[in-house]
Amino acid sequence: MKKQRRGAEMFSLSFLDVITCGFGAIILLLVISKTGSTVAILEDSPQPRDGLVRELQTSLFEIRGETQILNRDLNAKQEQISAWTKRVARLKLDKQKSQNEFGNLQDTFSVQSSITEQFESAKQTLTAEMHRLLAKLNKSDTSLVGGIPIDSEYIIFVIDTSGSMVQFNWGKMINQLTTTLDVYPNVKGLQIMSDMGGYLFSQTRGKWIPDTPGRRRAIISNLRRWNTFSNSSPVEGITRAIQTFSDRGKNISIYVYGDEFTGNSISNVVDIINKLNPKDRNDNPRIRIHGVGFPIPNDAPERFQITNQRFATLMREVVQNNAGTFVGLN
């Protein structure tokens, strides 16, 4: 009985070994079969990576090109900003200098304003005082202004600022203007204009400059360095002075200082001034107009000689129609 059990046990173990090895072999075959098919599938699948890389490289090159363009534009803008910054700095410096000069001038004006106010009442009788002083002036004094009547309470100087005037006669003009102001001891208002209608003091545009010793000194000082454009014709300055300051209630004179007239027609200018400066029933114009002609050197070009003669001709006609006097200096 014992031998039979052993044989059955040995048979059972062998059978299990065979079965186990068989299942192991089947599993191994399945594993090998699936691995091979997966590699085949991977090898056969499409590969889109090459096209994608090319697209990305193209985009990268485009971005680099745009970046270079933007960098160049940025550098140009930075250079432009730098230039404008320097210009703004220069303008600020010029503005500061102008403000300082204007502040100094205002200080001078403010000091004199209180004095002007104190004598405001006395100015009401200025015309009569002028006549009294005029009677006392000797001939040497009156000859300095060529016998021009000094009976005005308000004076406008229209000055030719052309190149010929500056080159040949600027110092003479300042001396003549100083002499004229000296003959007028005091007036109610002054104004200095160019032959183009500009103002020596831009802040007094359209207004009278109060007459004080300090302001007279400021006028002479600024005249020495005045530099403004001129077309060598007094027409614009005369007409603008009449249009701006004409007032029947004021006794006004215009002094025209110049050496050239380059306009086309003398008669047209005379007609325009006559319309702007009409006469009253007593044949007196609203504004007296006087002229002072400065000479041109004999060795100057012929065109200067011609325009100098035309200025004298124009001013003789203008002053004759506007109760004034023309003086030609030599």
C-alpha atoms as a PDB file:
ATOM      1  CA  MET A   1       0.000   0.000   0.000  1.00  0.00           C
ATOM      2  CA  LYS A   2       2.834   2.400   0.690  1.00  0.00           C
ATOM      3  CA  LYS A   3       4.486   1.865  -2.760  1.00  0.00           C
ATOM      4  CA  GLN A   4       1.344   2.766  -4.626  1.00  0.00           C
ATOM      5  CA  ARG A   5       1.067   6.240  -2.938  1.00  0.00           C
ATOM      6  CA  ARG A   6       4.633   7.153  -3.825  1.00  0.00           C
ATOM      7  CA  GLY A   7       4.097   6.380  -7.527  1.00  0.00           C
ATOM      8  CA  ALA A   8       1.018   8.505  -7.649  1.00  0.00           C
ATOM      9  CA  GLU A   9       2.811  11.437  -5.988  1.00  0.00           C
ATOM     10  CA  MET A  10       5.764  11.309  -8.397  1.00  0.00           C
ATOM     11  CA  PHE A  11       3.453  11.218 -11.404  1.00  0.00           C
ATOM     12  CA  SER A  12       1.556  14.241 -10.147  1.00  0.00           C
ATOM     13  CA  LEU A  13       4.692  16.401  -9.732  1.00  0.00           C
ATOM     14  CA  SER A  14       5.998  15.565 -13.182  1.00  0.00           C
ATOM     15  CA  PHE A  15       2.726  16.404 -14.775  1.00  0.00           C
ATOM     16  CA  LEU A  16       2.605  19.745 -13.019  1.00  0.00           C
ATOM     17  CA  ASP A  17       6.137  20.534 -14.177  1.00  0.00           C
ATOM     18  CA  VAL A  18       5.213  19.841 -17.763  1.00  0.00           C
ATOM     19  CA  ILE A  19       2.076  21.920 -17.556  1.00  0.00           C
ATOM     20  CA  THR A  20       3.946  24.802 -15.935  1.00  0.00           C
ATOM     21  CA  CYS A  21       6.699  24.819 -18.557  1.00  0.00           C
ATOM     22  CA  GLY A  22       4.079  24.747 -21.300  1.00  0.00           C
ATOM     23  CA  PHE A  23       2.282  27.773 -19.925  1.00  0.00           C
ATOM     24  CA  GLY A  24       5.599  29.568 -19.489  1.00  0.00           C
ATOM     25  CA  ALA A  25       6.520  28.920 -23.113  1.00  0.00           C
ATOM     26  CA  ILE A  26       3.146  30.229 -24.322  1.00  0.00           C
ATOM     27  CA  ILE A  27       3.491  33.404 -22.250  1.00  0.00           C
ATOM     28  CA  LEU A  28       7.014  33.972 -23.571  1.00  0.00           C
ATOM     29  CA  LEU A  29       5.808  33.608 -27.157  1.00  0.00           C
ATOM     30  CA  LEU A  30       3.019  36.124 -26.551  1.00  0.00           C
ATOM     31  CA  VAL A  31       5.452  38.610 -25.068  1.00  0.00           C
ATOM     32  CA  ILE A  32       7.851  38.289 -28.018  1.00  0.00           C
ATOM     33  CA  SER A  33       5.008  38.547 -30.508  1.00  0.00           C
ATOM     34  CA  LYS A  34       3.600  41.811 -28.970  1.00  0.00           C
ATOM     35  CA  THR A  35       7.028  43.457 -28.743  1.00  0.00           C
ATOM     36  CA  GLY A  36       7.756  42.850 -32.405  1.00  0.00           C
ATOM     37  CA  SER A  37       4.409  44.212 -33.534  1.00  0.00           C
ATOM     38  CA  THR A  38       4.866  47.375 -31.442  1.00  0.00           C
ATOM     39  CA  VAL A  39       8.275  48.076 -33.026  1.00  0.00           C
ATOM     40  CA  ALA A  40       6.754  47.531 -36.456  1.00  0.00           C
ATOM     41  CA  ILE A  41       3.906  49.906 -35.675  1.00  0.00           C
ATOM     42  CA  LEU A  42       6.336  52.539 -34.412  1.00  0.00           C
ATOM     43  CA  GLU A  43       8.542  52.088 -37.476  1.00  0.00           C
ATOM     44  CA  ASP A  44       5.574  52.373 -39.842  1.00  0.00           C
ATOM     45  CA  SER A  45       3.945  55.461 -38.115  1.00  0.00           C
ATOM     46  CA  PRO A  46       4.406  58.872 -39.905  1.00  0.00           C
ATOM     47  CA  GLN A  47       6.998  61.287 -38.483  1.00  0.00           C
ATOM     48  CA  PRO A  48       5.719  64.980 -38.711  1.00  0.00           C
ATOM     49  CA  ARG A  49       8.590  66.387 -36.627  1.00  0.00           C
ATOM     50  CA  ASP A  50      10.811  67.463 -39.592  1.00  0.00           C
ATOM     51  CA  GLY A  51       8.161  69.804 -41.058  1.00  0.00           C
ATOM     52  CA  LEU A  52       7.408  71.289 -37.652  1.00  0.00           C
ATOM     53  CA  VAL A  53      11.103  72.006 -37.033  1.00  0.00           C
ATOM     54  CA  ARG A  54      11.386  73.735 -40.404  1.00  0.00           C
ATOM     55  CA  GLU A  55       8.366  75.927 -39.627  1.00  0.00           C
ATOM     56  CA  LEU A  56       9.781  76.864 -36.239  1.00  0.00           C
ATOM     57  CA  GLN A  57      13.167  77.729 -37.803  1.00  0.00           C
ATOM     58  CA  THR A  58      11.460  79.931 -40.418  1.00  0.00           C
ATOM     59  CA  SER A  59       9.480  81.729 -37.718  1.00  0.00           C
ATOM     60  CA  LEU A  60      12.672  82.213 -35.704  1.00  0.00           C
ATOM     61  CA  PHE A  61      14.478  83.808 -38.677  1.00  0.00           C
ATOM     62  CA  GLU A  62      11.522  86.128 -39.315  1.00  0.00           C
ATOM     63  CA  ILE A  63      11.444  87.183 -35.668  1.00  0.00           C
ATOM     64  CA  ARG A  64      15.208  87.856 -35.729  1.00  0.00           C
ATOM     65  CA  GLY A  65      14.824  90.026 -38.857  1.00  0.00           C
ATOM     66  CA  GLU A  66      11.983  92.018 -37.314  1.00  0.00           C
ATOM     67  CA  THR A  67      14.035  92.413 -34.140  1.00  0.00           C
ATOM     68  CA  GLN A  68      16.947  93.903 -36.093  1.00  0.00           C
ATOM     69  CA  ILE A  69      14.618  96.365 -37.839  1.00  0.00           C
ATOM     70  CA  LEU A  70      13.051  97.370 -34.537  1.00  0.00           C
ATOM     71  CA  ASN A  71      16.511  97.821 -32.981  1.00  0.00           C
ATOM     72  CA  ARG A  72      17.551 100.147 -35.826  1.00  0.00           C
ATOM     73  CA  ASP A  73      14.344 102.166 -35.466  1.00  0.00           C
ATOM     74  CA  LEU A  74      14.855 102.304 -31.713  1.00  0.00           C
ATOM     75  CA  ASN A  75      18.421 103.592 -32.116  1.00  0.00           C
ATOM     76  CA  ALA A  76      17.243 106.254 -34.577  1.00  0.00           C
ATOM     77  CA  LYS A  77      14.487 107.381 -32.182  1.00  0.00           C
ATOM     78  CA  GLN A  78      16.936 107.489 -29.295  1.00  0.00           C
ATOM     79  CA  GLU A  79      19.310 109.672 -31.323  1.00  0.00           C
ATOM     80  CA  GLN A  80      16.404 111.941 -32.262  1.00  0.00           C
ATOM     81  CA  ILE A  81      15.303 112.162 -28.627  1.00  0.00           C
ATOM     82  CA  SER A  82      18.857 113.035 -27.619  1.00  0.00           C
ATOM     83  CA  ALA A  83      19.008 115.841 -30.210  1.00  0.00           C
ATOM     84  CA  TRP A  84      15.654 117.251 -29.102  1.00  0.00           C
ATOM     85  CA  THR A  85      16.706 117.013 -25.466  1.00  0.00           C
ATOM     86  CA  LYS A  86      19.791 119.112 -26.201  1.00  0.00           C
ATOM     87  CA  ARG A  87      17.692 121.631 -28.127  1.00  0.00           C
ATOM     88  CA  VAL A  88      15.168 121.883 -25.305  1.00  0.00           C
ATOM     89  CA  ALA A  89      18.020 122.483 -22.866  1.00  0.00           C
ATOM     90  CA  ARG A  90      19.364 125.306 -25.036  1.00  0.00           C
ATOM     91  CA  LEU A  91      15.902 126.837 -25.348  1.00  0.00           C
ATOM     92  CA  LYS A  92      15.404 126.644 -21.593  1.00  0.00           C
ATOM     93  CA  LEU A  93      18.728 128.423 -21.112  1.00  0.00           C
ATOM     94  CA  ASP A  94      17.751 131.147 -23.608  1.00  0.00           C
ATOM     95  CA  LYS A  95      14.355 131.465 -21.926  1.00  0.00           C
ATOM     96  CA  GLN A  96      15.988 131.854 -18.528  1.00  0.00           C
ATOM     97  CA  LYS A  97      18.295 134.567 -19.866  1.00  0.00           C
ATOM     98  CA  SER A  98      15.355 136.397 -21.428  1.00  0.00           C
ATOM     99  CA  GLN A  99      13.368 136.123 -18.203  1.00  0.00           C
ATOM    100  CA  ASN A 100      16.296 137.527 -16.243  1.00  0.00           C
ATOM    101  CA  GLU A 101      16.639 140.459 -18.639  1.00  0.00           C
ATOM    102  CA  PHE A 102      12.893 141.055 -18.582  1.00  0.00           C
ATOM    103  CA  GLY A 103      12.892 140.886 -14.778  1.00  0.00           C
ATOM    104  CA  ASN A 104      15.633 143.502 -14.610  1.00  0.00           C
ATOM    105  CA  LEU A 105      13.687 145.709 -16.979  1.00  0.00           C
ATOM    106  CA  GLN A 106      10.507 145.261 -14.940  1.00  0.00           C
ATOM    107  CA  ASP A 107      12.387 146.233 -11.805  1.00  0.00           C
ATOM    108  CA  THR A 108      13.476 149.439 -13.498  1.00  0.00           C
ATOM    109  CA  PHE A 109       9.940 150.095 -14.721  1.00  0.00           C
ATOM    110  CA  SER A 110       8.400 149.441 -11.301  1.00  0.00           C
ATOM    111  CA  VAL A 111      10.777 151.868  -9.592  1.00  0.00           C
ATOM    112  CA  GLN A 112       9.738 154.582 -12.020  1.00  0.00           C
ATOM    113  CA  SER A 113       6.015 153.788 -11.924  1.00  0.00           C
ATOM    114  CA  SER A 114       5.500 155.335  -8.505  1.00  0.00           C
ATOM    115  CA  ILE A 115       7.189 158.529  -9.673  1.00  0.00           C
ATOM    116  CA  THR A 116       5.015 158.569 -12.784  1.00  0.00           C
ATOM    117  CA  GLU A 117       1.845 158.261 -10.732  1.00  0.00           C
ATOM    118  CA  GLN A 118       2.866 161.159  -8.514  1.00  0.00           C
ATOM    119  CA  PHE A 119       3.163 163.457 -11.514  1.00  0.00           C
ATOM    120  CA  GLU A 120       0.064 162.250 -13.361  1.00  0.00           C
ATOM    121  CA  SER A 121      -1.907 165.363 -12.513  1.00  0.00           C
ATOM    122  CA  ALA A 122       0.912 167.614 -13.701  1.00  0.00           C
ATOM    123  CA  LYS A 123       0.863 165.942 -17.108  1.00  0.00           C
ATOM    124  CA  GLN A 124      -2.588 167.368 -17.815  1.00  0.00           C
ATOM    125  CA  THR A 125      -0.990 170.748 -18.432  1.00  0.00           C
ATOM    126  CA  LEU A 126       1.954 169.326 -20.363  1.00  0.00           C
ATOM    127  CA  THR A 127       1.042 170.925 -23.698  1.00  0.00           C
ATOM    128  CA  ALA A 128       1.048 174.444 -22.282  1.00  0.00           C
ATOM    129  CA  GLU A 129       4.307 173.706 -20.488  1.00  0.00           C
ATOM    130  CA  MET A 130       5.838 172.544 -23.742  1.00  0.00           C
ATOM    131  CA  HIS A 131       4.926 175.790 -25.469  1.00  0.00           C
ATOM    132  CA  ARG A 132       6.460 177.737 -22.609  1.00  0.00           C
ATOM    133  CA  LEU A 133       9.663 175.704 -22.755  1.00  0.00           C
ATOM    134  CA  LEU A 134       9.765 175.919 -26.547  1.00  0.00           C
ATOM    135  CA  ALA A 135       9.759 179.708 -26.355  1.00  0.00           C
ATOM    136  CA  LYS A 136      12.828 179.560 -24.136  1.00  0.00           C
ATOM    137  CA  LEU A 137      14.809 177.185 -26.342  1.00  0.00           C
ATOM    138  CA  ASN A 138      17.661 178.861 -28.209  1.00  0.00           C
ATOM    139  CA  LYS A 139      18.367 178.294 -31.875  1.00  0.00           C
ATOM    140  CA  SER A 140      21.219 175.884 -31.211  1.00  0.00           C
ATOM    141  CA  ASP A 141      18.791 173.565 -29.453  1.00  0.00           C
ATOM    142  CA  THR A 142      16.059 173.642 -32.088  1.00  0.00           C
ATOM    143  CA  SER A 143      18.506 173.172 -34.935  1.00  0.00           C
ATOM    144  CA  LEU A 144      19.399 169.761 -33.531  1.00  0.00           C
ATOM    145  CA  VAL A 145      16.035 168.444 -34.732  1.00  0.00           C
ATOM    146  CA  GLY A 146      16.069 170.432 -37.939  1.00  0.00           C
ATOM    147  CA  GLY A 147      13.347 172.827 -36.877  1.00  0.00           C
ATOM    148  CA  ILE A 148      10.725 170.097 -36.526  1.00  0.00           C
ATOM    149  CA  PRO A 149       7.848 171.302 -34.306  1.00  0.00           C
ATOM    150  CA  ILE A 150       8.033 169.766 -30.837  1.00  0.00           C
ATOM    151  CA  ASP A 151       4.437 170.243 -29.798  1.00  0.00           C
ATOM    152  CA  SER A 152       3.367 166.599 -29.428  1.00  0.00           C
ATOM    153  CA  GLU A 153       2.465 164.784 -26.225  1.00  0.00           C
ATOM    154  CA  TYR A 154       2.946 161.285 -27.687  1.00  0.00           C
ATOM    155  CA  ILE A 155       5.850 160.268 -29.955  1.00  0.00           C
ATOM    156  CA  ILE A 156       6.349 157.210 -32.162  1.00  0.00           C
ATOM    157  CA  PHE A 157       9.707 156.494 -33.796  1.00  0.00           C
ATOM    158  CA  VAL A 158       9.536 154.301 -36.925  1.00  0.00           C
ATOM    159  CA  ILE A 159      13.104 153.196 -37.630  1.00  0.00           C
ATOM    160  CA  ASP A 160      14.539 151.521 -40.733  1.00  0.00           C
ATOM    161  CA  THR A 161      16.477 148.440 -39.550  1.00  0.00           C
ATOM    162  CA  SER A 162      17.801 147.389 -42.958  1.00  0.00           C
ATOM    163  CA  GLY A 163      21.379 146.358 -43.596  1.00  0.00           C
ATOM    164  CA  SER A 164      22.363 149.676 -45.185  1.00  0.00           C
ATOM    165  CA  MET A 165      20.959 151.611 -42.240  1.00  0.00           C
ATOM    166  CA  VAL A 166      22.794 149.427 -39.731  1.00  0.00           C
ATOM    167  CA  GLN A 167      26.030 149.508 -41.715  1.00  0.00           C
ATOM    168  CA  PHE A 168      26.173 153.208 -42.564  1.00  0.00           C
ATOM    169  CA  ASN A 169      23.930 155.155 -40.180  1.00  0.00           C
ATOM    170  CA  TRP A 170      23.022 153.228 -37.015  1.00  0.00           C
ATOM    171  CA  GLY A 171      25.188 155.311 -34.701  1.00  0.00           C
ATOM    172  CA  LYS A 172      23.944 158.533 -36.316  1.00  0.00           C
ATOM    173  CA  MET A 173      20.353 157.356 -35.918  1.00  0.00           C
ATOM    174  CA  ILE A 174      20.799 156.720 -32.175  1.00  0.00           C
ATOM    175  CA  ASN A 175      22.395 160.149 -31.733  1.00  0.00           C
ATOM    176  CA  GLN A 176      19.547 161.795 -33.654  1.00  0.00           C
ATOM    177  CA  LEU A 177      16.902 159.978 -31.609  1.00  0.00           C
ATOM    178  CA  THR A 178      18.675 160.913 -28.377  1.00  0.00           C
ATOM    179  CA  THR A 179      18.786 164.548 -29.475  1.00  0.00           C
ATOM    180  CA  THR A 180      15.086 164.504 -30.316  1.00  0.00           C
ATOM    181  CA  LEU A 181      14.194 163.051 -26.934  1.00  0.00           C
ATOM    182  CA  ASP A 182      16.364 165.654 -25.219  1.00  0.00           C
ATOM    183  CA  VAL A 183      14.385 168.436 -26.894  1.00  0.00           C
ATOM    184  CA  TYR A 184      11.156 166.909 -25.551  1.00  0.00           C
ATOM    185  CA  PRO A 185      11.622 167.309 -21.765  1.00  0.00           C
ATOM    186  CA  ASN A 186       8.723 165.016 -21.012  1.00  0.00           C
ATOM    187  CA  VAL A 187       5.874 163.401 -22.921  1.00  0.00           C
ATOM    188  CA  LYS A 188       2.877 161.268 -22.003  1.00  0.00           C
ATOM    189  CA  GLY A 189       3.902 158.266 -24.045  1.00  0.00           C
ATOM    190  CA  LEU A 190       6.612 156.850 -26.293  1.00  0.00           C
ATOM    191  CA  GLN A 191       6.850 153.957 -28.713  1.00  0.00           C
ATOM    192  CA  ILE A 192       9.695 152.516 -30.819  1.00  0.00           C
ATOM    193  CA  MET A 193       8.783 150.509 -33.938  1.00  0.00           C
ATOM    194  CA  SER A 194      10.674 149.071 -36.885  1.00  0.00           C
ATOM    195  CA  ASP A 195       9.849 149.971 -40.473  1.00  0.00           C
ATOM    196  CA  MET A 196       8.089 146.566 -40.651  1.00  0.00           C
ATOM    197  CA  GLY A 197       5.798 147.446 -37.743  1.00  0.00           C
ATOM    198  CA  GLY A 198       7.623 145.432 -35.068  1.00  0.00           C
ATOM    199  CA  TYR A 199       8.263 146.699 -31.554  1.00  0.00           C
ATOM    200  CA  LEU A 200      11.567 147.317 -29.773  1.00  0.00           C
ATOM    201  CA  PHE A 201       9.886 146.013 -26.578  1.00  0.00           C
ATOM    202  CA  SER A 202       7.516 143.213 -27.544  1.00  0.00           C
ATOM    203  CA  GLN A 203       5.728 143.393 -24.177  1.00  0.00           C
ATOM    204  CA  THR A 204       4.560 146.947 -25.006  1.00  0.00           C
ATOM    205  CA  ARG A 205       2.878 145.915 -28.264  1.00  0.00           C
ATOM    206  CA  GLY A 206      -0.085 148.215 -28.940  1.00  0.00           C
ATOM    207  CA  LYS A 207       0.566 150.236 -25.759  1.00  0.00           C
ATOM    208  CA  TRP A 208       2.366 153.435 -24.893  1.00  0.00           C
ATOM    209  CA  ILE A 209       5.660 153.320 -23.017  1.00  0.00           C
ATOM    210  CA  PRO A 210       5.512 155.747 -20.059  1.00  0.00           C
ATOM    211  CA  ASP A 211       8.180 158.415 -20.341  1.00  0.00           C
ATOM    212  CA  THR A 212      10.727 158.228 -17.519  1.00  0.00           C
ATOM    213  CA  PRO A 213      14.513 158.726 -17.430  1.00  0.00           C
ATOM    214  CA  GLY A 214      15.021 155.030 -16.760  1.00  0.00           C
ATOM    215  CA  ARG A 215      12.944 154.006 -19.732  1.00  0.00           C
ATOM    216  CA  ARG A 216      14.695 156.468 -22.003  1.00  0.00           C
ATOM    217  CA  ARG A 217      17.997 154.884 -20.996  1.00  0.00           C
ATOM    218  CA  ALA A 218      16.526 151.419 -21.625  1.00  0.00           C
ATOM    219  CA  ILE A 219      15.408 152.503 -25.113  1.00  0.00           C
ATOM    220  CA  ILE A 220      18.874 153.717 -26.078  1.00  0.00           C
ATOM    221  CA  SER A 221      20.518 150.626 -24.598  1.00  0.00           C
ATOM    222  CA  ASN A 222      18.251 148.214 -26.476  1.00  0.00           C
ATOM    223  CA  LEU A 223      18.588 150.150 -29.730  1.00  0.00           C
ATOM    224  CA  ARG A 224      22.328 149.501 -29.743  1.00  0.00           C
ATOM    225  CA  ARG A 225      21.754 145.739 -30.087  1.00  0.00           C
ATOM    226  CA  TRP A 226      18.426 145.734 -31.952  1.00  0.00           C
ATOM    227  CA  ASN A 227      18.532 143.391 -34.947  1.00  0.00           C
ATOM    228  CA  THR A 228      15.315 142.701 -36.840  1.00  0.00           C
ATOM    229  CA  PHE A 229      14.271 142.083 -40.437  1.00  0.00           C
ATOM    230  CA  SER A 230      13.560 144.995 -42.786  1.00  0.00           C
ATOM    231  CA  ASN A 231      12.486 145.271 -46.427  1.00  0.00           C
ATOM    232  CA  SER A 232      14.003 148.786 -46.689  1.00  0.00           C
ATOM    233  CA  SER A 233      10.615 150.489 -46.819  1.00  0.00           C
ATOM    234  CA  PRO A 234       8.909 152.508 -44.051  1.00  0.00           C
ATOM    235  CA  VAL A 235       5.383 151.893 -45.335  1.00  0.00           C
ATOM    236  CA  GLU A 236       4.455 148.970 -43.061  1.00  0.00           C
ATOM    237  CA  GLY A 237       5.722 150.734 -39.941  1.00  0.00           C
ATOM    238  CA  ILE A 238       3.911 154.017 -40.697  1.00  0.00           C
ATOM    239  CA  THR A 239       0.579 152.383 -41.530  1.00  0.00           C
ATOM    240  CA  ARG A 240       0.665 150.086 -38.488  1.00  0.00           C
ATOM    241  CA  ALA A 241       1.544 152.983 -36.190  1.00  0.00           C
ATOM    242  CA  ILE A 242      -1.414 155.016 -37.506  1.00  0.00           C
ATOM    243  CA  GLN A 243      -3.847 152.089 -37.300  1.00  0.00           C
ATOM    244  CA  THR A 244      -2.785 151.161 -33.772  1.00  0.00           C
ATOM    245  CA  PHE A 245      -2.338 154.520 -32.051  1.00  0.00           C
ATOM    246  CA  SER A 246      -4.529 157.006 -33.927  1.00  0.00           C
ATOM    247  CA  ASP A 247      -6.648 158.946 -31.421  1.00  0.00           C
ATOM    248  CA  ARG A 248      -8.271 162.361 -31.923  1.00  0.00           C
ATOM    249  CA  GLY A 249      -7.971 162.988 -28.199  1.00  0.00           C
ATOM    250  CA  LYS A 250      -4.174 162.738 -28.298  1.00  0.00           C
ATOM    251  CA  ASN A 251      -1.528 164.986 -29.851  1.00  0.00           C
ATOM    252  CA  ILE A 252       0.690 162.439 -31.619  1.00  0.00           C
ATOM    253  CA  SER A 253       3.753 162.674 -33.871  1.00  0.00           C
ATOM    254  CA  ILE A 254       5.502 159.981 -35.870  1.00  0.00           C
ATOM    255  CA  TYR A 255       9.220 160.341 -36.626  1.00  0.00           C
ATOM    256  CA  VAL A 256      10.339 158.213 -39.561  1.00  0.00           C
ATOM    257  CA  TYR A 257      14.092 157.462 -39.629  1.00  0.00           C
ATOM    258  CA  GLY A 258      15.405 155.797 -42.770  1.00  0.00           C
ATOM    259  CA  ASP A 259      17.645 155.787 -45.808  1.00  0.00           C
ATOM    260  CA  GLU A 260      15.832 153.673 -48.428  1.00  0.00           C
ATOM    261  CA  PHE A 261      12.491 153.094 -50.123  1.00  0.00           C
ATOM    262  CA  THR A 262      12.309 149.934 -52.240  1.00  0.00           C
ATOM    263  CA  GLY A 263       8.559 149.981 -52.889  1.00  0.00           C
ATOM    264  CA  ASN A 264       6.999 150.093 -56.339  1.00  0.00           C
ATOM    265  CA  SER A 265       4.882 153.261 -56.205  1.00  0.00           C
ATOM    266  CA  ILE A 266       5.349 156.420 -54.164  1.00  0.00           C
ATOM    267  CA  SER A 267       1.919 157.785 -55.099  1.00  0.00           C
ATOM    268  CA  ASN A 268       0.150 154.622 -53.888  1.00  0.00           C
ATOM    269  CA  VAL A 269       1.876 154.874 -50.518  1.00  0.00           C
ATOM    270  CA  VAL A 270       0.915 158.545 -50.196  1.00  0.00           C
ATOM    271  CA  ASP A 271      -2.731 157.725 -50.995  1.00  0.00           C
ATOM    272  CA  ILE A 272      -2.847 154.894 -48.438  1.00  0.00           C
ATOM    273  CA  ILE A 273      -1.429 157.087 -45.664  1.00  0.00           C
ATOM    274  CA  ASN A 274      -3.846 159.903 -46.520  1.00  0.00           C
ATOM    275  CA  LYS A 275      -6.795 157.509 -46.123  1.00  0.00           C
ATOM    276  CA  LEU A 276      -5.521 156.147 -42.811  1.00  0.00           C
ATOM    277  CA  ASN A 277      -4.724 159.628 -41.437  1.00  0.00           C
ATOM    278  CA  PRO A 278      -7.633 161.879 -42.475  1.00  0.00           C
ATOM    279  CA  LYS A 279      -7.766 165.612 -41.766  1.00  0.00           C
ATOM    280  CA  ASP A 280     -10.340 167.489 -39.723  1.00  0.00           C
ATOM    281  CA  ARG A 281     -12.291 170.613 -40.744  1.00  0.00           C
ATOM    282  CA  ASN A 282      -9.255 172.761 -39.959  1.00  0.00           C
ATOM    283  CA  ASP A 283      -7.115 170.697 -42.347  1.00  0.00           C
ATOM    284  CA  ASN A 284      -5.163 169.130 -39.490  1.00  0.00           C
ATOM    285  CA  PRO A 285      -4.375 165.398 -39.662  1.00  0.00           C
ATOM    286  CA  ARG A 286      -4.899 163.139 -36.669  1.00  0.00           C
ATOM    287  CA  ILE A 287      -1.157 162.415 -36.491  1.00  0.00           C
ATOM    288  CA  ARG A 288       1.795 164.539 -37.551  1.00  0.00           C
ATOM    289  CA  ILE A 289       4.357 162.659 -39.617  1.00  0.00           C
ATOM    290  CA  HIS A 290       7.971 163.870 -39.756  1.00  0.00           C
ATOM    291  CA  GLY A 291      10.822 162.360 -41.725  1.00  0.00           C
ATOM    292  CA  VAL A 292      14.574 162.242 -41.176  1.00  0.00           C
ATOM    293  CA  GLY A 293      16.614 160.973 -44.129  1.00  0.00           C
ATOM    294  CA  PHE A 294      20.067 159.515 -43.534  1.00  0.00           C
ATOM    295  CA  PRO A 295      22.720 159.596 -46.264  1.00  0.00           C
ATOM    296  CA  ILE A 296      24.244 156.785 -48.277  1.00  0.00           C
ATOM    297  CA  PRO A 297      28.028 157.014 -48.880  1.00  0.00           C
ATOM    298  CA  ASN A 298      29.007 158.159 -52.366  1.00  0.00           C
ATOM    299  CA  ASP A 299      31.041 154.998 -52.936  1.00  0.00           C
ATOM    300  CA  ALA A 300      28.098 152.712 -52.127  1.00  0.00           C
ATOM    301  CA  PRO A 301      26.540 150.704 -54.999  1.00  0.00           C
ATOM    302  CA  GLU A 302      24.294 152.654 -57.359  1.00  0.00           C
ATOM    303  CA  ARG A 303      21.145 150.822 -56.246  1.00  0.00           C
ATOM    304  CA  PHE A 304      21.574 152.251 -52.736  1.00  0.00           C
ATOM    305  CA  GLN A 305      21.895 155.751 -54.212  1.00  0.00           C
ATOM    306  CA  ILE A 306      18.633 155.297 -56.112  1.00  0.00           C
ATOM    307  CA  THR A 307      16.631 153.907 -53.171  1.00  0.00           C
ATOM    308  CA  ASN A 308      18.058 156.680 -50.954  1.00  0.00           C
ATOM    309  CA  GLN A 309      16.718 159.341 -53.332  1.00  0.00           C
ATOM    310  CA  ARG A 310      13.338 157.573 -53.516  1.00  0.00           C
ATOM    311  CA  PHE A 311      13.094 157.597 -49.699  1.00  0.00           C
ATOM    312  CA  ALA A 312      13.655 161.356 -49.662  1.00  0.00           C
ATOM    313  CA  THR A 313      11.027 161.840 -52.399  1.00  0.00           C
ATOM    314  CA  LEU A 314       8.485 159.649 -50.578  1.00  0.00           C
ATOM    315  CA  MET A 315       8.948 161.336 -47.213  1.00  0.00           C
ATOM    316  CA  ARG A 316       8.707 164.857 -48.684  1.00  0.00           C
ATOM    317  CA  GLU A 317       5.284 163.937 -50.091  1.00  0.00           C
ATOM    318  CA  VAL A 318       4.147 162.220 -46.890  1.00  0.00           C
ATOM    319  CA  VAL A 319       5.160 165.014 -44.489  1.00  0.00           C
ATOM    320  CA  GLN A 320       3.694 167.686 -46.758  1.00  0.00           C
ATOM    321  CA  ASN A 321       0.291 165.974 -46.597  1.00  0.00           C
ATOM    322  CA  ASN A 322       0.499 165.243 -42.854  1.00  0.00           C
ATOM    323  CA  ALA A 323       1.592 168.565 -41.310  1.00  0.00           C
ATOM    324  CA  GLY A 324       5.155 167.405 -40.827  1.00  0.00           C
ATOM    325  CA  THR A 325       8.733 168.323 -41.749  1.00  0.00           C
ATOM    326  CA  PHE A 326      11.392 166.397 -43.648  1.00  0.00           C
ATOM    327  CA  VAL A 327      15.058 166.766 -42.761  1.00  0.00           C
ATOM    328  CA  GLY A 328      17.791 165.289 -44.948  1.00  0.00           C
ATOM    329  CA  LEU A 329      21.054 164.798 -43.073  1.00  0.00           C
ATOM    330  CA  ASN A 330      24.453 165.005 -44.782  1.00  0.00           C
END
